[in-house]
Amino acid sequence: MSKGIGRTAYRPVGVLLGLAAGTVAGAIFRQVWKMTAGDGEAPSATDEDRRWGEILAAAALQGAIFAVVRAAVDRGGAVGVRRLTGSWPD
């Protein structure tokens, strides 16, 4: 199959997987934050009662979890498209 077909087949899959990755990453972050901070809710950047360090740590943790989940989901989707179409999506 041509590369264009693989890329075209991956686009809708990539969008759906991206939405799923965001949902999964958010759930993982909430659980990790609960376990590490002992607090049920992560701080908001505009929360006046939270310290800078806590807010920045929460943002860094959330970003790292999102990036790892997104990369894993994107890679899995690309492998799936290659198995179905025979070409790697670019």
N, C-alpha and C. Protein backbone atom coordinates (compact mmCIF):
# COMPACT_ATOMS: atom_id res chain seq x y z
N MET A 1 0.84 -1.19 0.00
CA MET A 1 0.00 0.00 0.00
C MET A 1 0.87 1.23 0.00
N SER A 2 0.31 2.30 -0.50
CA SER A 2 1.08 3.53 -0.55
C SER A 2 1.13 4.21 0.81
N LYS A 3 2.13 5.08 0.95
CA LYS A 3 2.28 5.82 2.20
C LYS A 3 1.09 6.71 2.47
N GLY A 4 0.50 7.26 1.44
CA GLY A 4 -0.65 8.15 1.61
C GLY A 4 -1.84 7.46 2.25
N ILE A 5 -2.05 6.20 1.93
CA ILE A 5 -3.16 5.45 2.51
C ILE A 5 -2.92 5.23 4.00
N GLY A 6 -1.69 4.88 4.35
CA GLY A 6 -1.36 4.69 5.77
C GLY A 6 -1.56 5.97 6.56
N ARG A 7 -1.12 7.08 6.03
CA ARG A 7 -1.26 8.37 6.68
C ARG A 7 -2.74 8.75 6.80
N THR A 8 -3.50 8.53 5.72
CA THR A 8 -4.92 8.85 5.73
C THR A 8 -5.68 7.96 6.71
N ALA A 9 -5.31 6.70 6.77
CA ALA A 9 -5.97 5.78 7.70
C ALA A 9 -5.65 6.14 9.14
N TYR A 10 -4.48 6.71 9.38
CA TYR A 10 -4.07 7.01 10.74
C TYR A 10 -4.71 8.28 11.29
N ARG A 11 -5.05 9.22 10.46
CA ARG A 11 -5.58 10.51 10.94
C ARG A 11 -6.78 10.36 11.87
N PRO A 12 -7.87 9.70 11.45
CA PRO A 12 -9.01 9.59 12.37
C PRO A 12 -8.67 8.74 13.60
N VAL A 13 -7.84 7.74 13.41
CA VAL A 13 -7.41 6.91 14.54
C VAL A 13 -6.60 7.76 15.51
N GLY A 14 -5.71 8.58 14.98
CA GLY A 14 -4.88 9.44 15.81
C GLY A 14 -5.69 10.43 16.63
N VAL A 15 -6.73 10.99 16.04
CA VAL A 15 -7.59 11.93 16.77
C VAL A 15 -8.31 11.22 17.92
N LEU A 16 -8.88 10.08 17.63
CA LEU A 16 -9.58 9.33 18.69
C LEU A 16 -8.62 8.87 19.78
N LEU A 17 -7.46 8.41 19.38
CA LEU A 17 -6.47 7.97 20.36
C LEU A 17 -5.96 9.15 21.20
N GLY A 18 -5.85 10.31 20.58
CA GLY A 18 -5.43 11.50 21.32
C GLY A 18 -6.43 11.87 22.41
N LEU A 19 -7.70 11.79 22.09
CA LEU A 19 -8.74 12.07 23.09
C LEU A 19 -8.70 11.05 24.22
N ALA A 20 -8.54 9.79 23.84
CA ALA A 20 -8.45 8.73 24.85
C ALA A 20 -7.21 8.91 25.72
N ALA A 21 -6.10 9.29 25.09
CA ALA A 21 -4.85 9.49 25.84
C ALA A 21 -5.01 10.60 26.88
N GLY A 22 -5.68 11.67 26.52
CA GLY A 22 -5.91 12.77 27.46
C GLY A 22 -6.74 12.32 28.65
N THR A 23 -7.75 11.53 28.39
CA THR A 23 -8.61 11.03 29.46
C THR A 23 -7.84 10.10 30.39
N VAL A 24 -7.09 9.18 29.80
CA VAL A 24 -6.30 8.23 30.59
C VAL A 24 -5.22 8.96 31.38
N ALA A 25 -4.53 9.89 30.74
CA ALA A 25 -3.47 10.64 31.43
C ALA A 25 -4.04 11.43 32.60
N GLY A 26 -5.21 12.02 32.44
CA GLY A 26 -5.85 12.76 33.53
C GLY A 26 -6.18 11.86 34.70
N ALA A 27 -6.68 10.68 34.41
CA ALA A 27 -7.02 9.73 35.48
C ALA A 27 -5.76 9.25 36.20
N ILE A 28 -4.72 8.96 35.45
CA ILE A 28 -3.46 8.54 36.06
C ILE A 28 -2.89 9.66 36.93
N PHE A 29 -2.91 10.88 36.41
CA PHE A 29 -2.38 12.01 37.18
C PHE A 29 -3.13 12.19 38.49
N ARG A 30 -4.44 12.11 38.46
CA ARG A 30 -5.21 12.27 39.70
C ARG A 30 -4.84 11.22 40.74
N GLN A 31 -4.66 9.98 40.29
CA GLN A 31 -4.29 8.90 41.21
C GLN A 31 -2.88 9.11 41.76
N VAL A 32 -1.95 9.46 40.89
CA VAL A 32 -0.57 9.68 41.33
C VAL A 32 -0.51 10.87 42.29
N TRP A 33 -1.25 11.92 41.99
CA TRP A 33 -1.24 13.10 42.87
C TRP A 33 -1.80 12.75 44.25
N LYS A 34 -2.87 11.98 44.26
CA LYS A 34 -3.44 11.55 45.54
C LYS A 34 -2.43 10.76 46.37
N MET A 35 -1.72 9.86 45.70
CA MET A 35 -0.76 9.01 46.41
C MET A 35 0.46 9.80 46.88
N THR A 36 0.95 10.72 46.08
CA THR A 36 2.19 11.43 46.43
C THR A 36 1.95 12.63 47.33
N ALA A 37 0.89 13.37 47.09
CA ALA A 37 0.66 14.60 47.86
C ALA A 37 -0.28 14.38 49.03
N GLY A 38 -1.01 13.28 49.00
CA GLY A 38 -1.97 13.02 50.06
C GLY A 38 -3.16 13.95 49.99
N ASP A 39 -3.28 14.68 48.92
CA ASP A 39 -4.35 15.64 48.73
C ASP A 39 -5.25 15.12 47.62
N GLY A 40 -6.55 15.26 47.78
CA GLY A 40 -7.48 14.75 46.78
C GLY A 40 -7.48 15.51 45.48
N GLU A 41 -7.07 16.74 45.52
CA GLU A 41 -7.16 17.58 44.32
C GLU A 41 -5.83 18.29 44.06
N ALA A 42 -5.38 18.25 42.83
CA ALA A 42 -4.16 18.95 42.46
C ALA A 42 -4.40 20.46 42.50
N PRO A 43 -3.37 21.23 42.80
CA PRO A 43 -3.55 22.68 42.88
C PRO A 43 -3.74 23.31 41.51
N SER A 44 -4.54 24.34 41.50
CA SER A 44 -4.71 25.16 40.30
C SER A 44 -3.64 26.25 40.33
N ALA A 45 -3.21 26.69 39.18
CA ALA A 45 -2.19 27.75 39.13
C ALA A 45 -2.67 29.03 39.78
N THR A 46 -3.96 29.23 39.86
CA THR A 46 -4.50 30.47 40.45
C THR A 46 -4.97 30.28 41.89
N ASP A 47 -4.67 29.13 42.48
CA ASP A 47 -5.06 28.87 43.87
C ASP A 47 -4.17 29.68 44.80
N GLU A 48 -4.72 30.66 45.43
CA GLU A 48 -3.96 31.59 46.27
C GLU A 48 -3.35 30.91 47.49
N ASP A 49 -3.96 29.84 47.96
CA ASP A 49 -3.51 29.18 49.17
C ASP A 49 -2.40 28.15 48.94
N ARG A 50 -2.02 27.93 47.72
CA ARG A 50 -0.97 26.95 47.42
C ARG A 50 0.35 27.66 47.14
N ARG A 51 1.45 26.96 47.46
CA ARG A 51 2.79 27.51 47.24
C ARG A 51 3.22 27.29 45.79
N TRP A 52 4.17 28.12 45.35
CA TRP A 52 4.72 28.01 44.00
C TRP A 52 5.25 26.61 43.73
N GLY A 53 6.03 26.09 44.66
CA GLY A 53 6.64 24.77 44.47
C GLY A 53 5.62 23.68 44.23
N GLU A 54 4.53 23.72 44.99
CA GLU A 54 3.48 22.72 44.85
C GLU A 54 2.78 22.83 43.49
N ILE A 55 2.52 24.05 43.09
CA ILE A 55 1.85 24.28 41.80
C ILE A 55 2.74 23.83 40.64
N LEU A 56 4.02 24.20 40.70
CA LEU A 56 4.93 23.84 39.61
C LEU A 56 5.21 22.34 39.59
N ALA A 57 5.29 21.72 40.75
CA ALA A 57 5.49 20.26 40.80
C ALA A 57 4.29 19.54 40.19
N ALA A 58 3.09 20.00 40.52
CA ALA A 58 1.89 19.38 39.96
C ALA A 58 1.85 19.54 38.44
N ALA A 59 2.21 20.72 37.95
CA ALA A 59 2.20 20.95 36.50
C ALA A 59 3.24 20.09 35.79
N ALA A 60 4.42 19.96 36.39
CA ALA A 60 5.48 19.14 35.79
C ALA A 60 5.07 17.67 35.76
N LEU A 61 4.51 17.19 36.86
CA LEU A 61 4.06 15.80 36.92
C LEU A 61 2.96 15.53 35.90
N GLN A 62 2.01 16.44 35.82
CA GLN A 62 0.92 16.28 34.87
C GLN A 62 1.44 16.27 33.44
N GLY A 63 2.36 17.16 33.12
CA GLY A 63 2.93 17.21 31.78
C GLY A 63 3.70 15.95 31.42
N ALA A 64 4.47 15.45 32.37
CA ALA A 64 5.25 14.24 32.13
C ALA A 64 4.34 13.04 31.90
N ILE A 65 3.32 12.91 32.73
CA ILE A 65 2.39 11.78 32.57
C ILE A 65 1.67 11.89 31.23
N PHE A 66 1.21 13.08 30.88
CA PHE A 66 0.52 13.25 29.61
C PHE A 66 1.42 12.89 28.43
N ALA A 67 2.68 13.35 28.47
CA ALA A 67 3.60 13.09 27.36
C ALA A 67 3.88 11.60 27.20
N VAL A 68 4.07 10.89 28.30
CA VAL A 68 4.35 9.45 28.23
C VAL A 68 3.14 8.69 27.70
N VAL A 69 1.96 9.01 28.22
CA VAL A 69 0.75 8.32 27.77
C VAL A 69 0.50 8.62 26.30
N ARG A 70 0.65 9.86 25.91
CA ARG A 70 0.41 10.25 24.52
C ARG A 70 1.38 9.54 23.57
N ALA A 71 2.66 9.48 23.95
CA ALA A 71 3.65 8.79 23.11
C ALA A 71 3.33 7.30 22.99
N ALA A 72 2.94 6.68 24.09
CA ALA A 72 2.60 5.26 24.06
C ALA A 72 1.38 5.00 23.18
N VAL A 73 0.39 5.85 23.29
CA VAL A 73 -0.84 5.69 22.51
C VAL A 73 -0.56 5.97 21.02
N ASP A 74 0.21 7.01 20.72
CA ASP A 74 0.54 7.31 19.32
C ASP A 74 1.33 6.17 18.69
N ARG A 75 2.30 5.67 19.44
CA ARG A 75 3.12 4.58 18.91
C ARG A 75 2.27 3.33 18.66
N GLY A 76 1.42 3.00 19.63
CA GLY A 76 0.54 1.85 19.46
C GLY A 76 -0.40 2.01 18.28
N GLY A 77 -0.91 3.21 18.09
CA GLY A 77 -1.78 3.47 16.94
C GLY A 77 -1.05 3.32 15.62
N ALA A 78 0.18 3.81 15.57
CA ALA A 78 0.96 3.70 14.34
C ALA A 78 1.27 2.24 14.02
N VAL A 79 1.60 1.47 15.05
CA VAL A 79 1.86 0.04 14.84
C VAL A 79 0.59 -0.66 14.34
N GLY A 80 -0.56 -0.30 14.91
CA GLY A 80 -1.82 -0.88 14.47
C GLY A 80 -2.14 -0.55 13.02
N VAL A 81 -1.90 0.70 12.63
CA VAL A 81 -2.15 1.09 11.24
C VAL A 81 -1.21 0.34 10.31
N ARG A 82 0.06 0.18 10.71
CA ARG A 82 0.98 -0.58 9.86
C ARG A 82 0.51 -2.01 9.69
N ARG A 83 0.03 -2.61 10.75
CA ARG A 83 -0.47 -4.00 10.65
C ARG A 83 -1.68 -4.10 9.72
N LEU A 84 -2.53 -3.07 9.76
CA LEU A 84 -3.73 -3.10 8.92
C LEU A 84 -3.46 -2.73 7.48
N THR A 85 -2.59 -1.75 7.25
CA THR A 85 -2.38 -1.23 5.90
C THR A 85 -1.07 -1.65 5.25
N GLY A 86 -0.12 -2.08 6.09
CA GLY A 86 1.19 -2.46 5.55
C GLY A 86 2.15 -1.32 5.42
N SER A 87 1.75 -0.11 5.78
CA SER A 87 2.68 1.03 5.71
C SER A 87 2.63 1.83 7.02
N TRP A 88 3.75 2.43 7.31
CA TRP A 88 3.89 3.23 8.53
C TRP A 88 3.36 4.64 8.28
N PRO A 89 2.46 5.14 9.13
CA PRO A 89 1.97 6.51 8.94
C PRO A 89 3.03 7.54 9.29
N ASP A 90 3.14 8.58 8.51
CA ASP A 90 4.10 9.65 8.77
C ASP A 90 3.45 10.84 9.40
